[in-house]
Amino acid sequence: MIEQTDNSANPNAFRSADFHWRCKHTWRQASQNTLWCLLGCAIGDLGTIAYFQITGTPWPVWAIMSLAIMNGLLTSIALETLILLRQMPLASAFKTAIGMSLISMIGMEMAMNLVDVAVTGGAILTLEVVPLMLVAGFVTPLPYNYWRLKALGKACH
């Protein structure tokens, strides 16, 4: 992290020496934000995998997983836009949702799908793998979301 050495120009500037991982309030807020993101990602991701599993459409695993990741990102952005509509007009809500932490969403999607591939071989939903996918999808971006909230004052929601 970059430490701002001259705070006279910007007294609210981030200083790495001020950052810590012990704030319960920030962990709680980061966890809540991450859960909203997980909900959006899971709808698109798990829905896509379920569709291919139910219909038996013969696509390669990598193609199904790629589509699941894209759909997870899209549904997460859509859900975030709906949440933000309570605070701002549609155009602003969509622009804010698009500008939110794509790093967090991509990390979440990758973690979920890597767990699916590791446990089932990929593109297969079972009662055993879904909870593991959701836990991995939650835990993976959580430290980044905490850091982003604590250090930069930016939430993913």
N, C-alpha and C. Protein backbone atom coordinates (compact mmCIF):
# COMPACT_ATOMS: atom_id res chain seq x y z
N MET A 1 0.83 -1.17 0.00
CA MET A 1 0.00 0.00 0.00
C MET A 1 0.88 1.24 0.00
N ILE A 2 0.39 2.27 -0.60
CA ILE A 2 1.14 3.51 -0.71
C ILE A 2 0.86 4.39 0.48
N GLU A 3 1.90 4.91 1.05
CA GLU A 3 1.73 5.80 2.19
C GLU A 3 1.84 7.24 1.70
N GLN A 4 0.86 8.02 2.04
CA GLN A 4 0.87 9.44 1.72
C GLN A 4 1.78 10.13 2.73
N THR A 5 2.84 10.76 2.26
CA THR A 5 3.79 11.37 3.19
C THR A 5 3.44 12.80 3.52
N ASP A 6 2.79 13.51 2.59
CA ASP A 6 2.44 14.91 2.85
C ASP A 6 0.93 15.02 2.96
N ASN A 7 0.41 14.98 4.19
CA ASN A 7 -1.02 15.03 4.41
C ASN A 7 -1.56 16.44 4.45
N SER A 8 -0.70 17.43 4.29
CA SER A 8 -1.19 18.81 4.34
C SER A 8 -2.08 19.12 3.13
N ALA A 9 -1.79 18.49 1.99
CA ALA A 9 -2.60 18.73 0.79
C ALA A 9 -3.94 18.00 0.87
N ASN A 10 -3.95 16.85 1.50
CA ASN A 10 -5.16 16.05 1.60
C ASN A 10 -5.20 15.37 2.97
N PRO A 11 -5.85 15.98 3.94
CA PRO A 11 -5.85 15.42 5.29
C PRO A 11 -6.60 14.08 5.39
N ASN A 12 -7.43 13.74 4.40
CA ASN A 12 -8.16 12.48 4.41
C ASN A 12 -7.45 11.38 3.61
N ALA A 13 -6.23 11.65 3.18
CA ALA A 13 -5.49 10.69 2.36
C ALA A 13 -5.20 9.42 3.15
N PHE A 14 -5.17 8.32 2.42
CA PHE A 14 -4.90 7.02 3.05
C PHE A 14 -3.43 6.94 3.44
N ARG A 15 -3.20 6.44 4.64
CA ARG A 15 -1.85 6.18 5.12
C ARG A 15 -1.79 4.72 5.54
N SER A 16 -0.85 3.98 4.96
CA SER A 16 -0.76 2.56 5.28
C SER A 16 -0.52 2.33 6.76
N ALA A 17 0.14 3.26 7.43
CA ALA A 17 0.39 3.11 8.86
C ALA A 17 -0.91 3.15 9.67
N ASP A 18 -1.96 3.76 9.13
CA ASP A 18 -3.24 3.86 9.82
C ASP A 18 -4.14 2.65 9.58
N PHE A 19 -3.81 1.83 8.60
CA PHE A 19 -4.66 0.70 8.23
C PHE A 19 -4.45 -0.46 9.20
N HIS A 20 -5.55 -1.15 9.53
CA HIS A 20 -5.47 -2.36 10.34
C HIS A 20 -6.64 -3.28 9.96
N TRP A 21 -6.52 -4.55 10.35
CA TRP A 21 -7.52 -5.56 10.03
C TRP A 21 -8.42 -5.89 11.20
N ARG A 22 -8.49 -5.05 12.21
CA ARG A 22 -9.18 -5.39 13.45
C ARG A 22 -10.52 -4.70 13.65
N CYS A 23 -11.04 -4.00 12.69
CA CYS A 23 -12.27 -3.25 12.87
C CYS A 23 -13.50 -4.14 12.64
N LYS A 24 -14.19 -4.48 13.72
CA LYS A 24 -15.37 -5.36 13.63
C LYS A 24 -16.47 -4.74 12.78
N HIS A 25 -16.66 -3.44 12.91
CA HIS A 25 -17.69 -2.75 12.12
C HIS A 25 -17.39 -2.89 10.62
N THR A 26 -16.14 -2.70 10.23
CA THR A 26 -15.77 -2.80 8.82
C THR A 26 -15.90 -4.23 8.33
N TRP A 27 -15.52 -5.21 9.15
CA TRP A 27 -15.70 -6.62 8.76
C TRP A 27 -17.17 -6.93 8.56
N ARG A 28 -18.03 -6.41 9.44
CA ARG A 28 -19.47 -6.64 9.33
C ARG A 28 -20.01 -6.02 8.04
N GLN A 29 -19.61 -4.79 7.74
CA GLN A 29 -20.08 -4.11 6.53
C GLN A 29 -19.53 -4.80 5.28
N ALA A 30 -18.25 -5.16 5.31
CA ALA A 30 -17.65 -5.86 4.17
C ALA A 30 -18.33 -7.21 3.94
N SER A 31 -18.68 -7.89 5.02
CA SER A 31 -19.37 -9.18 4.91
C SER A 31 -20.76 -9.01 4.31
N GLN A 32 -21.47 -7.99 4.75
CA GLN A 32 -22.81 -7.72 4.19
C GLN A 32 -22.71 -7.39 2.70
N ASN A 33 -21.76 -6.53 2.34
CA ASN A 33 -21.57 -6.19 0.93
C ASN A 33 -21.21 -7.42 0.10
N THR A 34 -20.34 -8.26 0.65
CA THR A 34 -19.91 -9.46 -0.05
C THR A 34 -21.07 -10.44 -0.23
N LEU A 35 -21.94 -10.53 0.76
CA LEU A 35 -23.11 -11.41 0.63
C LEU A 35 -24.05 -10.96 -0.48
N TRP A 36 -24.26 -9.63 -0.60
CA TRP A 36 -25.09 -9.12 -1.70
C TRP A 36 -24.47 -9.48 -3.04
N CYS A 37 -23.16 -9.31 -3.14
CA CYS A 37 -22.45 -9.64 -4.37
C CYS A 37 -22.54 -11.14 -4.66
N LEU A 38 -22.38 -11.95 -3.62
CA LEU A 38 -22.47 -13.40 -3.76
C LEU A 38 -23.85 -13.82 -4.25
N LEU A 39 -24.88 -13.19 -3.72
CA LEU A 39 -26.24 -13.50 -4.17
C LEU A 39 -26.37 -13.26 -5.66
N GLY A 40 -25.94 -12.08 -6.11
CA GLY A 40 -26.03 -11.75 -7.53
C GLY A 40 -25.22 -12.70 -8.40
N CYS A 41 -23.99 -12.97 -7.98
CA CYS A 41 -23.13 -13.87 -8.76
C CYS A 41 -23.69 -15.29 -8.78
N ALA A 42 -24.17 -15.76 -7.63
CA ALA A 42 -24.66 -17.14 -7.53
C ALA A 42 -25.89 -17.36 -8.41
N ILE A 43 -26.77 -16.37 -8.50
CA ILE A 43 -27.96 -16.52 -9.33
C ILE A 43 -27.58 -16.84 -10.77
N GLY A 44 -26.69 -16.04 -11.33
CA GLY A 44 -26.29 -16.26 -12.72
C GLY A 44 -25.41 -17.48 -12.91
N ASP A 45 -24.47 -17.67 -12.01
CA ASP A 45 -23.52 -18.77 -12.12
C ASP A 45 -24.20 -20.11 -11.93
N LEU A 46 -24.85 -20.29 -10.79
CA LEU A 46 -25.49 -21.57 -10.50
C LEU A 46 -26.67 -21.82 -11.43
N GLY A 47 -27.37 -20.76 -11.81
CA GLY A 47 -28.49 -20.91 -12.75
C GLY A 47 -28.03 -21.42 -14.10
N THR A 48 -26.90 -20.93 -14.56
CA THR A 48 -26.37 -21.38 -15.85
C THR A 48 -25.94 -22.84 -15.78
N ILE A 49 -25.21 -23.19 -14.73
CA ILE A 49 -24.76 -24.58 -14.59
C ILE A 49 -25.98 -25.51 -14.45
N ALA A 50 -26.98 -25.10 -13.67
CA ALA A 50 -28.19 -25.91 -13.50
C ALA A 50 -28.90 -26.11 -14.84
N TYR A 51 -28.98 -25.05 -15.64
CA TYR A 51 -29.63 -25.15 -16.95
C TYR A 51 -28.97 -26.23 -17.79
N PHE A 52 -27.65 -26.17 -17.89
CA PHE A 52 -26.94 -27.16 -18.71
C PHE A 52 -27.04 -28.56 -18.11
N GLN A 53 -27.05 -28.65 -16.81
CA GLN A 53 -27.16 -29.95 -16.15
C GLN A 53 -28.55 -30.56 -16.38
N ILE A 54 -29.59 -29.74 -16.27
CA ILE A 54 -30.97 -30.23 -16.44
C ILE A 54 -31.27 -30.58 -17.90
N THR A 55 -30.83 -29.72 -18.81
CA THR A 55 -31.16 -29.95 -20.22
C THR A 55 -30.22 -30.96 -20.88
N GLY A 56 -29.06 -31.18 -20.29
CA GLY A 56 -28.11 -32.11 -20.89
C GLY A 56 -27.49 -31.59 -22.17
N THR A 57 -27.51 -30.28 -22.35
CA THR A 57 -26.93 -29.67 -23.53
C THR A 57 -25.43 -30.01 -23.59
N PRO A 58 -24.98 -30.59 -24.70
CA PRO A 58 -23.60 -31.08 -24.77
C PRO A 58 -22.57 -29.98 -25.09
N TRP A 59 -22.26 -29.19 -24.13
CA TRP A 59 -21.20 -28.18 -24.27
C TRP A 59 -19.98 -28.63 -23.49
N PRO A 60 -18.80 -28.21 -23.91
CA PRO A 60 -17.61 -28.52 -23.12
C PRO A 60 -17.67 -27.82 -21.75
N VAL A 61 -17.05 -28.44 -20.76
CA VAL A 61 -17.06 -27.89 -19.41
C VAL A 61 -16.53 -26.46 -19.40
N TRP A 62 -15.43 -26.20 -20.12
CA TRP A 62 -14.84 -24.85 -20.11
C TRP A 62 -15.82 -23.82 -20.67
N ALA A 63 -16.63 -24.20 -21.65
CA ALA A 63 -17.60 -23.27 -22.25
C ALA A 63 -18.74 -22.99 -21.26
N ILE A 64 -19.21 -24.02 -20.60
CA ILE A 64 -20.28 -23.84 -19.60
C ILE A 64 -19.78 -22.96 -18.47
N MET A 65 -18.56 -23.23 -17.98
CA MET A 65 -18.01 -22.45 -16.87
C MET A 65 -17.77 -21.00 -17.28
N SER A 66 -17.30 -20.79 -18.49
CA SER A 66 -17.10 -19.41 -18.98
C SER A 66 -18.42 -18.65 -19.04
N LEU A 67 -19.45 -19.31 -19.58
CA LEU A 67 -20.77 -18.69 -19.65
C LEU A 67 -21.33 -18.45 -18.25
N ALA A 68 -21.10 -19.40 -17.34
CA ALA A 68 -21.57 -19.25 -15.95
C ALA A 68 -20.90 -18.04 -15.29
N ILE A 69 -19.62 -17.86 -15.52
CA ILE A 69 -18.91 -16.70 -14.96
C ILE A 69 -19.47 -15.40 -15.52
N MET A 70 -19.66 -15.35 -16.83
CA MET A 70 -20.21 -14.13 -17.45
C MET A 70 -21.62 -13.84 -16.92
N ASN A 71 -22.45 -14.87 -16.85
CA ASN A 71 -23.81 -14.66 -16.34
C ASN A 71 -23.79 -14.26 -14.87
N GLY A 72 -22.88 -14.81 -14.10
CA GLY A 72 -22.74 -14.40 -12.70
C GLY A 72 -22.38 -12.94 -12.57
N LEU A 73 -21.45 -12.47 -13.39
CA LEU A 73 -21.07 -11.05 -13.37
C LEU A 73 -22.26 -10.17 -13.77
N LEU A 74 -22.97 -10.59 -14.81
CA LEU A 74 -24.12 -9.79 -15.28
C LEU A 74 -25.24 -9.73 -14.25
N THR A 75 -25.56 -10.86 -13.62
CA THR A 75 -26.63 -10.83 -12.62
C THR A 75 -26.21 -10.07 -11.37
N SER A 76 -24.92 -10.11 -11.05
CA SER A 76 -24.44 -9.34 -9.90
C SER A 76 -24.58 -7.84 -10.18
N ILE A 77 -24.20 -7.43 -11.37
CA ILE A 77 -24.33 -6.02 -11.75
C ILE A 77 -25.81 -5.61 -11.76
N ALA A 78 -26.67 -6.49 -12.27
CA ALA A 78 -28.11 -6.19 -12.29
C ALA A 78 -28.66 -6.04 -10.88
N LEU A 79 -28.30 -6.97 -9.98
CA LEU A 79 -28.77 -6.88 -8.60
C LEU A 79 -28.25 -5.63 -7.92
N GLU A 80 -26.96 -5.32 -8.13
CA GLU A 80 -26.40 -4.11 -7.53
C GLU A 80 -27.11 -2.87 -8.04
N THR A 81 -27.46 -2.86 -9.33
CA THR A 81 -28.20 -1.72 -9.89
C THR A 81 -29.55 -1.58 -9.20
N LEU A 82 -30.25 -2.69 -9.00
CA LEU A 82 -31.54 -2.65 -8.31
C LEU A 82 -31.40 -2.14 -6.87
N ILE A 83 -30.37 -2.59 -6.18
CA ILE A 83 -30.14 -2.13 -4.81
C ILE A 83 -29.87 -0.63 -4.79
N LEU A 84 -29.07 -0.15 -5.74
CA LEU A 84 -28.71 1.26 -5.78
C LEU A 84 -29.85 2.16 -6.24
N LEU A 85 -30.87 1.59 -6.88
CA LEU A 85 -32.02 2.38 -7.32
C LEU A 85 -32.74 3.05 -6.15
N ARG A 86 -32.57 2.52 -4.95
CA ARG A 86 -33.17 3.15 -3.77
C ARG A 86 -32.49 4.46 -3.43
N GLN A 87 -31.27 4.63 -3.92
CA GLN A 87 -30.46 5.80 -3.56
C GLN A 87 -30.27 6.80 -4.71
N MET A 88 -30.47 6.36 -5.96
CA MET A 88 -30.15 7.23 -7.10
C MET A 88 -30.95 6.82 -8.33
N PRO A 89 -30.97 7.68 -9.35
CA PRO A 89 -31.68 7.35 -10.60
C PRO A 89 -31.04 6.15 -11.31
N LEU A 90 -31.79 5.55 -12.24
CA LEU A 90 -31.35 4.33 -12.93
C LEU A 90 -29.99 4.50 -13.60
N ALA A 91 -29.80 5.56 -14.36
CA ALA A 91 -28.54 5.74 -15.09
C ALA A 91 -27.35 5.80 -14.12
N SER A 92 -27.52 6.52 -13.04
CA SER A 92 -26.45 6.62 -12.04
C SER A 92 -26.23 5.29 -11.33
N ALA A 93 -27.33 4.58 -11.04
CA ALA A 93 -27.24 3.29 -10.36
C ALA A 93 -26.48 2.29 -11.23
N PHE A 94 -26.80 2.26 -12.52
CA PHE A 94 -26.13 1.34 -13.43
C PHE A 94 -24.66 1.70 -13.57
N LYS A 95 -24.37 2.97 -13.74
CA LYS A 95 -22.98 3.42 -13.86
C LYS A 95 -22.18 3.07 -12.61
N THR A 96 -22.78 3.24 -11.45
CA THR A 96 -22.10 2.91 -10.19
C THR A 96 -21.89 1.40 -10.08
N ALA A 97 -22.90 0.62 -10.46
CA ALA A 97 -22.78 -0.84 -10.40
C ALA A 97 -21.68 -1.34 -11.33
N ILE A 98 -21.58 -0.77 -12.51
CA ILE A 98 -20.54 -1.16 -13.46
C ILE A 98 -19.16 -0.79 -12.90
N GLY A 99 -19.08 0.34 -12.22
CA GLY A 99 -17.80 0.82 -11.69
C GLY A 99 -17.39 0.19 -10.38
N MET A 100 -18.25 -0.63 -9.80
CA MET A 100 -17.92 -1.26 -8.53
C MET A 100 -16.83 -2.30 -8.75
N SER A 101 -16.41 -2.89 -7.70
CA SER A 101 -15.24 -3.75 -7.74
C SER A 101 -15.41 -4.99 -8.60
N LEU A 102 -15.01 -4.87 -9.84
CA LEU A 102 -15.02 -6.00 -10.75
C LEU A 102 -13.99 -7.04 -10.29
N ILE A 103 -12.93 -6.59 -9.66
CA ILE A 103 -11.92 -7.51 -9.13
C ILE A 103 -12.57 -8.46 -8.13
N SER A 104 -13.38 -7.92 -7.25
CA SER A 104 -14.07 -8.73 -6.25
C SER A 104 -15.00 -9.75 -6.90
N MET A 105 -15.77 -9.31 -7.88
CA MET A 105 -16.71 -10.21 -8.54
C MET A 105 -15.99 -11.30 -9.33
N ILE A 106 -14.93 -10.95 -10.03
CA ILE A 106 -14.18 -11.94 -10.81
C ILE A 106 -13.53 -12.96 -9.86
N GLY A 107 -12.95 -12.49 -8.76
CA GLY A 107 -12.37 -13.40 -7.78
C GLY A 107 -13.40 -14.35 -7.23
N MET A 108 -14.58 -13.82 -6.94
CA MET A 108 -15.67 -14.64 -6.41
C MET A 108 -16.07 -15.71 -7.42
N GLU A 109 -16.26 -15.31 -8.65
CA GLU A 109 -16.66 -16.24 -9.71
C GLU A 109 -15.60 -17.31 -9.95
N MET A 110 -14.35 -16.91 -10.00
CA MET A 110 -13.27 -17.86 -10.23
C MET A 110 -13.21 -18.88 -9.09
N ALA A 111 -13.32 -18.40 -7.85
CA ALA A 111 -13.27 -19.30 -6.69
C ALA A 111 -14.41 -20.32 -6.74
N MET A 112 -15.61 -19.84 -7.03
CA MET A 112 -16.76 -20.74 -7.08
C MET A 112 -16.57 -21.82 -8.14
N ASN A 113 -16.13 -21.41 -9.31
CA ASN A 113 -16.01 -22.37 -10.41
C ASN A 113 -14.81 -23.29 -10.24
N LEU A 114 -13.73 -22.81 -9.65
CA LEU A 114 -12.59 -23.69 -9.37
C LEU A 114 -12.97 -24.77 -8.36
N VAL A 115 -13.77 -24.42 -7.38
CA VAL A 115 -14.25 -25.42 -6.42
C VAL A 115 -15.11 -26.45 -7.14
N ASP A 116 -15.98 -26.01 -8.00
CA ASP A 116 -16.84 -26.94 -8.76
C ASP A 116 -15.99 -27.89 -9.59
N VAL A 117 -15.00 -27.37 -10.28
CA VAL A 117 -14.11 -28.21 -11.10
C VAL A 117 -13.33 -29.19 -10.21
N ALA A 118 -12.81 -28.69 -9.09
CA ALA A 118 -12.00 -29.54 -8.21
C ALA A 118 -12.82 -30.67 -7.59
N VAL A 119 -14.07 -30.38 -7.23
CA VAL A 119 -14.89 -31.38 -6.53
C VAL A 119 -15.64 -32.30 -7.49
N THR A 120 -16.20 -31.75 -8.56
CA THR A 120 -17.06 -32.56 -9.43
C THR A 120 -16.49 -32.79 -10.83
N GLY A 121 -15.44 -32.10 -11.18
CA GLY A 121 -14.93 -32.15 -12.54
C GLY A 121 -15.46 -31.00 -13.37
N GLY A 122 -16.39 -30.25 -12.82
CA GLY A 122 -16.88 -29.04 -13.47
C GLY A 122 -18.26 -29.14 -14.03
N ALA A 123 -19.02 -28.04 -13.90
CA ALA A 123 -20.36 -27.88 -14.46
C ALA A 123 -21.34 -28.93 -13.96
N ILE A 124 -21.18 -29.32 -12.68
CA ILE A 124 -22.10 -30.25 -12.05
C ILE A 124 -22.44 -29.71 -10.67
N LEU A 125 -23.73 -29.54 -10.40
CA LEU A 125 -24.17 -29.07 -9.09
C LEU A 125 -24.69 -30.25 -8.29
N THR A 126 -24.18 -30.38 -7.07
CA THR A 126 -24.65 -31.41 -6.15
C THR A 126 -24.89 -30.75 -4.80
N LEU A 127 -25.57 -31.43 -3.91
CA LEU A 127 -25.79 -30.89 -2.57
C LEU A 127 -24.48 -30.73 -1.81
N GLU A 128 -23.47 -31.48 -2.18
CA GLU A 128 -22.18 -31.37 -1.52
C GLU A 128 -21.37 -30.19 -2.05
N VAL A 129 -21.43 -29.91 -3.34
CA VAL A 129 -20.55 -28.89 -3.92
C VAL A 129 -21.10 -27.47 -3.79
N VAL A 130 -22.41 -27.29 -3.83
CA VAL A 130 -22.98 -25.93 -3.79
C VAL A 130 -22.57 -25.17 -2.53
N PRO A 131 -22.69 -25.75 -1.33
CA PRO A 131 -22.24 -25.00 -0.14
C PRO A 131 -20.74 -24.66 -0.19
N LEU A 132 -19.94 -25.59 -0.71
CA LEU A 132 -18.50 -25.33 -0.83
C LEU A 132 -18.23 -24.19 -1.81
N MET A 133 -18.96 -24.16 -2.90
CA MET A 133 -18.82 -23.09 -3.89
C MET A 133 -19.19 -21.74 -3.27
N LEU A 134 -20.29 -21.72 -2.51
CA LEU A 134 -20.73 -20.46 -1.90
C LEU A 134 -19.75 -19.98 -0.83
N VAL A 135 -19.21 -20.89 -0.04
CA VAL A 135 -18.22 -20.50 0.97
C VAL A 135 -16.97 -19.93 0.29
N ALA A 136 -16.49 -20.62 -0.74
CA ALA A 136 -15.31 -20.13 -1.46
C ALA A 136 -15.60 -18.78 -2.12
N GLY A 137 -16.80 -18.63 -2.67
CA GLY A 137 -17.18 -17.36 -3.30
C GLY A 137 -17.29 -16.22 -2.31
N PHE A 138 -17.61 -16.53 -1.06
CA PHE A 138 -17.71 -15.49 -0.03
C PHE A 138 -16.33 -15.15 0.55
N VAL A 139 -15.57 -16.16 0.89
CA VAL A 139 -14.29 -15.95 1.59
C VAL A 139 -13.24 -15.32 0.68
N THR A 140 -13.23 -15.67 -0.58
CA THR A 140 -12.18 -15.18 -1.49
C THR A 140 -12.13 -13.66 -1.60
N PRO A 141 -13.23 -12.96 -1.88
CA PRO A 141 -13.14 -11.50 -2.03
C PRO A 141 -13.26 -10.72 -0.72
N LEU A 142 -13.62 -11.38 0.37
CA LEU A 142 -13.89 -10.67 1.63
C LEU A 142 -12.71 -9.81 2.11
N PRO A 143 -11.49 -10.32 2.17
CA PRO A 143 -10.38 -9.45 2.62
C PRO A 143 -10.18 -8.24 1.71
N TYR A 144 -10.32 -8.44 0.40
CA TYR A 144 -10.20 -7.32 -0.53
C TYR A 144 -11.30 -6.30 -0.30
N ASN A 145 -12.54 -6.77 -0.08
CA ASN A 145 -13.65 -5.86 0.18
C ASN A 145 -13.45 -5.10 1.49
N TYR A 146 -12.91 -5.76 2.50
CA TYR A 146 -12.59 -5.09 3.77
C TYR A 146 -11.55 -4.00 3.51
N TRP A 147 -10.46 -4.37 2.83
CA TRP A 147 -9.40 -3.40 2.56
C TRP A 147 -9.94 -2.21 1.78
N ARG A 148 -10.72 -2.49 0.76
CA ARG A 148 -11.26 -1.42 -0.08
C ARG A 148 -12.15 -0.48 0.74
N LEU A 149 -12.94 -1.05 1.65
CA LEU A 149 -13.82 -0.26 2.49
C LEU A 149 -13.04 0.51 3.54
N LYS A 150 -12.10 -0.15 4.20
CA LYS A 150 -11.34 0.47 5.29
C LYS A 150 -10.31 1.48 4.77
N ALA A 151 -9.56 1.08 3.77
CA ALA A 151 -8.46 1.92 3.29
C ALA A 151 -8.91 3.03 2.34
N LEU A 152 -9.87 2.70 1.49
CA LEU A 152 -10.28 3.66 0.45
C LEU A 152 -11.64 4.27 0.70
N GLY A 153 -12.39 3.70 1.64
CA GLY A 153 -13.73 4.19 1.90
C GLY A 153 -14.69 3.87 0.78
N LYS A 154 -14.37 2.81 -0.01
CA LYS A 154 -15.22 2.43 -1.14
C LYS A 154 -15.81 1.05 -0.88
N ALA A 155 -17.12 1.00 -0.95
CA ALA A 155 -17.82 -0.28 -0.78
C ALA A 155 -18.16 -0.83 -2.15
N CYS A 156 -18.36 -2.14 -2.22
CA CYS A 156 -18.78 -2.73 -3.49
C CYS A 156 -20.29 -2.63 -3.65
N HIS A 157 -20.97 -2.03 -2.66
CA HIS A 157 -22.43 -1.79 -2.77
C HIS A 157 -22.71 -0.43 -2.18
